[in-house]
Amino acid sequence: MEYKIIEGGSPHDITKRVNDLIKEGWTPVGSHQVVVRREQNRFSGQQHMDTLNTLEYTQTLTRDETKKSVIEVDIMFNHPDDDETIKNYDVEGMREEFEYELQHLLNQD
């Protein structure tokens, strides 16, 4: 079992990173965490006006290397005679993409 902790400076950052890692076979563990990394109090003279907080979002993920991986291949088409109303499957292109992804998967060891 492999673990990874990722961080981001905003909910958007952490969500994008988590979604990208889920596509690679990672699984979130528990919920995300938010901590205040820095506080800056702002004053006008002696009067406290407000506080600026810098937040950090973190998420723990895990990946079980014993599980089978899934290879996804996009469907590709050829358009004979440049007629986009006719679609023929590009079997050769899909096969090349599959073989590339398979080689990448096999080389992860």
C-alpha atoms as a PDB file:
ATOM      1  CA  MET A   1       0.000   0.000   0.000  1.00  0.00           C
ATOM      2  CA  GLU A   2       1.341   3.407  -0.974  1.00  0.00           C
ATOM      3  CA  TYR A   3       0.294   6.713   0.614  1.00  0.00           C
ATOM      4  CA  LYS A   4       0.562  10.282  -0.598  1.00  0.00           C
ATOM      5  CA  ILE A   5      -0.361  13.629   0.983  1.00  0.00           C
ATOM      6  CA  ILE A   6      -1.078  16.468  -1.407  1.00  0.00           C
ATOM      7  CA  GLU A   7      -1.598  20.130  -0.639  1.00  0.00           C
ATOM      8  CA  GLY A   8      -3.152  23.129  -2.312  1.00  0.00           C
ATOM      9  CA  GLY A   9      -3.704  26.794  -1.638  1.00  0.00           C
ATOM     10  CA  SER A  10      -7.416  26.779  -2.477  1.00  0.00           C
ATOM     11  CA  PRO A  11     -10.361  24.384  -2.698  1.00  0.00           C
ATOM     12  CA  HIS A  12     -10.035  24.518  -6.507  1.00  0.00           C
ATOM     13  CA  ASP A  13      -6.336  23.542  -6.382  1.00  0.00           C
ATOM     14  CA  ILE A  14      -6.854  20.567  -4.098  1.00  0.00           C
ATOM     15  CA  THR A  15      -9.935  19.365  -5.989  1.00  0.00           C
ATOM     16  CA  LYS A  16      -8.093  19.433  -9.313  1.00  0.00           C
ATOM     17  CA  ARG A  17      -5.109  17.546  -7.897  1.00  0.00           C
ATOM     18  CA  VAL A  18      -7.332  14.942  -6.198  1.00  0.00           C
ATOM     19  CA  ASN A  19      -9.341  14.385  -9.396  1.00  0.00           C
ATOM     20  CA  ASP A  20      -6.147  14.004 -11.451  1.00  0.00           C
ATOM     21  CA  LEU A  21      -4.773  11.435  -8.981  1.00  0.00           C
ATOM     22  CA  ILE A  22      -8.059   9.507  -8.860  1.00  0.00           C
ATOM     23  CA  LYS A  23      -7.701   9.027 -12.626  1.00  0.00           C
ATOM     24  CA  GLU A  24      -4.258   7.519 -11.932  1.00  0.00           C
ATOM     25  CA  GLY A  25      -5.660   4.969  -9.487  1.00  0.00           C
ATOM     26  CA  TRP A  26      -5.327   6.825  -6.181  1.00  0.00           C
ATOM     27  CA  THR A  27      -8.148   6.794  -3.593  1.00  0.00           C
ATOM     28  CA  PRO A  28      -8.796   9.567  -1.037  1.00  0.00           C
ATOM     29  CA  VAL A  29      -8.540   8.496   2.611  1.00  0.00           C
ATOM     30  CA  GLY A  30     -10.920  10.328   4.914  1.00  0.00           C
ATOM     31  CA  SER A  31     -11.765  13.961   4.308  1.00  0.00           C
ATOM     32  CA  HIS A  32      -9.584  16.889   3.415  1.00  0.00           C
ATOM     33  CA  GLN A  33      -7.979  19.038   6.106  1.00  0.00           C
ATOM     34  CA  VAL A  34      -7.696  22.826   6.249  1.00  0.00           C
ATOM     35  CA  VAL A  35      -5.166  24.640   8.416  1.00  0.00           C
ATOM     36  CA  VAL A  36      -4.267  28.302   8.831  1.00  0.00           C
ATOM     37  CA  ARG A  37      -0.660  28.591   7.643  1.00  0.00           C
ATOM     38  CA  ARG A  38      -0.295  32.291   8.372  1.00  0.00           C
ATOM     39  CA  GLU A  39      -2.255  35.059  10.064  1.00  0.00           C
ATOM     40  CA  GLN A  40      -1.673  38.732   9.461  1.00  0.00           C
ATOM     41  CA  ASN A  41      -3.446  41.224  11.704  1.00  0.00           C
ATOM     42  CA  ARG A  42      -4.066  44.587  10.047  1.00  0.00           C
ATOM     43  CA  PHE A  43      -4.305  47.750  12.105  1.00  0.00           C
ATOM     44  CA  SER A  44      -5.228  51.364  11.562  1.00  0.00           C
ATOM     45  CA  GLY A  45      -3.208  53.100  14.228  1.00  0.00           C
ATOM     46  CA  GLN A  46      -3.935  51.146  17.419  1.00  0.00           C
ATOM     47  CA  GLN A  47      -7.274  49.755  16.186  1.00  0.00           C
ATOM     48  CA  HIS A  48      -7.416  46.222  14.833  1.00  0.00           C
ATOM     49  CA  MET A  49      -9.182  46.302  11.451  1.00  0.00           C
ATOM     50  CA  ASP A  50      -9.112  42.679  10.265  1.00  0.00           C
ATOM     51  CA  THR A  51      -7.006  39.549   9.938  1.00  0.00           C
ATOM     52  CA  LEU A  52      -5.792  38.008   6.693  1.00  0.00           C
ATOM     53  CA  ASN A  53      -5.486  34.222   6.835  1.00  0.00           C
ATOM     54  CA  THR A  54      -3.486  32.057   4.453  1.00  0.00           C
ATOM     55  CA  LEU A  55      -5.038  28.596   4.316  1.00  0.00           C
ATOM     56  CA  GLU A  56      -3.564  25.269   3.262  1.00  0.00           C
ATOM     57  CA  TYR A  57      -5.736  22.369   2.109  1.00  0.00           C
ATOM     58  CA  THR A  58      -4.425  18.808   2.341  1.00  0.00           C
ATOM     59  CA  GLN A  59      -5.734  15.379   1.376  1.00  0.00           C
ATOM     60  CA  THR A  60      -4.298  11.929   2.021  1.00  0.00           C
ATOM     61  CA  LEU A  61      -4.571   9.396  -0.790  1.00  0.00           C
ATOM     62  CA  THR A  62      -3.649   5.743  -1.092  1.00  0.00           C
ATOM     63  CA  ARG A  63      -3.036   3.345  -3.930  1.00  0.00           C
ATOM     64  CA  ASP A  64      -3.063  -0.427  -3.738  1.00  0.00           C
ATOM     65  CA  GLU A  65      -0.511  -1.699  -6.236  1.00  0.00           C
ATOM     66  CA  THR A  66      -2.004  -5.207  -6.128  1.00  0.00           C
ATOM     67  CA  LYS A  67      -5.233  -4.034  -7.777  1.00  0.00           C
ATOM     68  CA  LYS A  68      -5.514  -4.271 -11.527  1.00  0.00           C
ATOM     69  CA  SER A  69      -5.191  -1.035 -13.427  1.00  0.00           C
ATOM     70  CA  VAL A  70      -7.583  -0.002 -16.159  1.00  0.00           C
ATOM     71  CA  ILE A  71      -6.330   1.323 -19.463  1.00  0.00           C
ATOM     72  CA  GLU A  72      -8.632   3.869 -21.063  1.00  0.00           C
ATOM     73  CA  VAL A  73      -8.367   4.623 -24.765  1.00  0.00           C
ATOM     74  CA  ASP A  74     -10.155   7.463 -26.521  1.00  0.00           C
ATOM     75  CA  ILE A  75     -12.330   6.523 -29.482  1.00  0.00           C
ATOM     76  CA  MET A  76     -10.764   7.863 -32.656  1.00  0.00           C
ATOM     77  CA  PHE A  77     -12.305   8.269 -36.072  1.00  0.00           C
ATOM     78  CA  ASN A  78     -11.097   8.682 -39.626  1.00  0.00           C
ATOM     79  CA  HIS A  79     -13.116  10.779 -42.061  1.00  0.00           C
ATOM     80  CA  PRO A  80     -12.793   9.289 -45.563  1.00  0.00           C
ATOM     81  CA  ASP A  81     -12.319  11.889 -48.280  1.00  0.00           C
ATOM     82  CA  ASP A  82     -12.399  14.575 -45.540  1.00  0.00           C
ATOM     83  CA  ASP A  83     -16.175  14.081 -45.245  1.00  0.00           C
ATOM     84  CA  GLU A  84     -16.837  14.710 -41.545  1.00  0.00           C
ATOM     85  CA  THR A  85     -20.344  13.252 -41.817  1.00  0.00           C
ATOM     86  CA  ILE A  86     -18.784   9.795 -42.308  1.00  0.00           C
ATOM     87  CA  LYS A  87     -16.924   8.282 -39.346  1.00  0.00           C
ATOM     88  CA  ASN A  88     -14.801   5.159 -39.540  1.00  0.00           C
ATOM     89  CA  TYR A  89     -13.112   3.842 -36.399  1.00  0.00           C
ATOM     90  CA  ASP A  90      -9.360   4.478 -36.358  1.00  0.00           C
ATOM     91  CA  VAL A  91      -8.480   1.024 -35.058  1.00  0.00           C
ATOM     92  CA  GLU A  92      -4.757   1.490 -35.691  1.00  0.00           C
ATOM     93  CA  GLY A  93      -4.685   4.773 -33.756  1.00  0.00           C
ATOM     94  CA  MET A  94      -6.607   3.291 -30.836  1.00  0.00           C
ATOM     95  CA  ARG A  95      -4.303   0.241 -30.807  1.00  0.00           C
ATOM     96  CA  GLU A  96      -1.213   2.499 -30.742  1.00  0.00           C
ATOM     97  CA  GLU A  97      -2.640   4.482 -27.832  1.00  0.00           C
ATOM     98  CA  PHE A  98      -3.476   1.251 -25.959  1.00  0.00           C
ATOM     99  CA  GLU A  99       0.030  -0.160 -26.518  1.00  0.00           C
ATOM    100  CA  TYR A 100       1.591   3.112 -25.336  1.00  0.00           C
ATOM    101  CA  GLU A 101      -0.523   3.106 -22.149  1.00  0.00           C
ATOM    102  CA  LEU A 102       0.221  -0.590 -21.565  1.00  0.00           C
ATOM    103  CA  GLN A 103       3.976  -0.005 -21.914  1.00  0.00           C
ATOM    104  CA  HIS A 104       3.714   2.932 -19.478  1.00  0.00           C
ATOM    105  CA  LEU A 105       1.839   0.716 -16.996  1.00  0.00           C
ATOM    106  CA  LEU A 106       4.386  -2.098 -17.282  1.00  0.00           C
ATOM    107  CA  ASN A 107       7.325   0.282 -16.758  1.00  0.00           C
ATOM    108  CA  GLN A 108       5.962   1.585 -13.421  1.00  0.00           C
ATOM    109  CA  ASP A 109       7.575  -1.301 -11.526  1.00  0.00           C
END
